[in-house]
Amino acid sequence: MNKSNFQENTRYAITLKDENGRLRPANVYVYKLHDNFMIARFTDKSAMLNKIPYENVTKIVKTVEVAPEARFLVPDILLSAKTWQSRTSMQTYSSSPRVGK
């Protein structure tokens, strides 16, 4: 997979290689796309932001665009490539105006 297969502010059901090389299903919300990786939150796990290299995604099973009023908001500085140079995950709180947070 590469950057052109994904869009920002979109939910995906994907097949992802874990740290042991096993294929696992995952549901993600993509916040930001960079050249070699994306910043996403696993919607079925914790609220942590994760750096996911495109080569770890083997298949896109389902794509769901998120309406602008239901998108989760995170400050742009937390999504910049420079912030993620030495990180693989980050604990943060994101909110959606639609849910009143």
Protein backbone atom coordinates (compact mmCIF):
# COMPACT_ATOMS: atom_id res chain seq x y z
CA MET A 1 0.00 0.00 0.00
CA ASN A 2 1.02 3.63 -0.36
CA LYS A 3 -0.23 7.12 0.44
CA SER A 4 -2.55 7.27 -2.59
CA ASN A 5 -4.63 4.38 -1.20
CA PHE A 6 -5.76 6.43 1.83
CA GLN A 7 -7.54 9.70 2.62
CA GLU A 8 -7.46 11.86 5.73
CA ASN A 9 -10.47 11.95 8.08
CA THR A 10 -11.65 8.54 6.91
CA ARG A 11 -12.32 5.29 8.74
CA TYR A 12 -10.90 2.04 7.41
CA ALA A 13 -11.19 -1.64 8.17
CA ILE A 14 -7.77 -3.00 7.20
CA THR A 15 -5.51 -6.01 7.46
CA LEU A 16 -2.35 -4.95 9.26
CA LYS A 17 0.97 -6.69 9.97
CA ASP A 18 1.70 -6.59 13.70
CA GLU A 19 5.15 -6.33 15.31
CA ASN A 20 5.62 -10.11 14.91
CA GLY A 21 4.69 -10.07 11.21
CA ARG A 22 1.27 -11.68 11.72
CA LEU A 23 -1.72 -10.36 9.84
CA ARG A 24 -4.38 -8.84 12.08
CA PRO A 25 -7.68 -7.06 11.39
CA ALA A 26 -7.83 -3.44 12.52
CA ASN A 27 -10.25 -0.54 12.41
CA VAL A 28 -8.57 2.85 12.11
CA TYR A 29 -9.46 6.52 11.81
CA VAL A 30 -6.81 8.25 9.67
CA TYR A 31 -5.91 11.76 10.82
CA LYS A 32 -2.91 12.66 8.66
CA LEU A 33 -1.02 11.19 5.71
CA HIS A 34 2.74 11.63 5.36
CA ASP A 35 5.07 10.30 2.67
CA ASN A 36 6.00 7.00 4.39
CA PHE A 37 3.42 6.65 7.14
CA MET A 38 0.02 7.75 8.38
CA ILE A 39 -1.13 8.95 11.79
CA ALA A 40 -4.21 7.02 12.85
CA ARG A 41 -6.22 5.97 15.87
CA PHE A 42 -7.40 2.39 16.31
CA THR A 43 -11.14 2.77 16.80
CA ASP A 44 -11.53 -0.62 18.45
CA LYS A 45 -8.68 -0.15 20.96
CA SER A 46 -7.24 2.70 23.01
CA ALA A 47 -7.44 6.38 22.11
CA MET A 48 -3.72 6.55 21.32
CA LEU A 49 -2.45 8.02 18.06
CA ASN A 50 -0.26 5.58 16.14
CA LYS A 51 2.30 5.86 13.39
CA ILE A 52 1.43 3.20 10.80
CA PRO A 53 3.82 2.63 7.88
CA TYR A 54 1.96 2.04 4.62
CA GLU A 55 3.90 -1.18 3.98
CA ASN A 56 2.35 -2.70 7.14
CA VAL A 57 -1.13 -2.47 5.60
CA THR A 58 -1.78 -5.43 3.32
CA LYS A 59 -5.46 -4.93 2.48
CA ILE A 60 -8.25 -2.36 2.78
CA VAL A 61 -11.51 -4.15 3.55
CA LYS A 62 -13.87 -1.22 4.04
CA THR A 63 -13.72 2.57 3.67
CA VAL A 64 -16.10 5.01 5.38
CA GLU A 65 -15.81 8.77 4.88
CA VAL A 66 -16.51 10.79 7.99
CA ALA A 67 -18.82 13.80 7.73
CA PRO A 68 -17.16 17.14 8.62
CA GLU A 69 -19.34 17.61 11.70
CA ALA A 70 -18.37 14.16 13.07
CA ARG A 71 -14.59 14.38 12.52
CA PHE A 72 -12.23 14.09 15.45
CA LEU A 73 -10.01 17.12 15.95
CA VAL A 74 -6.37 17.04 17.04
CA PRO A 75 -3.96 20.03 16.97
CA ASP A 76 -1.92 20.10 13.76
CA ILE A 77 1.40 20.19 15.63
CA LEU A 78 0.65 16.74 17.05
CA LEU A 79 0.17 15.40 13.52
CA SER A 80 3.31 16.89 11.94
CA ALA A 81 6.03 14.59 10.58
CA LYS A 82 8.65 16.23 12.80
CA THR A 83 6.70 15.29 15.93
CA TRP A 84 6.64 11.63 14.81
CA GLN A 85 10.34 11.22 13.89
CA SER A 86 11.18 9.29 17.06
CA ARG A 87 7.70 8.05 18.09
CA THR A 88 5.45 5.17 17.22
CA SER A 89 2.51 6.14 19.44
CA MET A 90 1.20 9.05 21.52
CA GLN A 91 -1.53 9.34 24.13
CA THR A 92 -3.89 12.21 23.33
CA TYR A 93 -7.48 13.25 23.64
CA SER A 94 -9.44 14.06 20.53
CA SER A 95 -12.95 15.38 20.34
CA SER A 96 -15.76 15.87 17.93
CA PRO A 97 -18.03 18.95 18.00
CA ARG A 98 -20.94 16.65 17.30
CA VAL A 99 -20.55 14.77 20.58
CA GLY A 100 -20.27 17.97 22.61
CA LYS A 101 -16.68 17.65 23.74
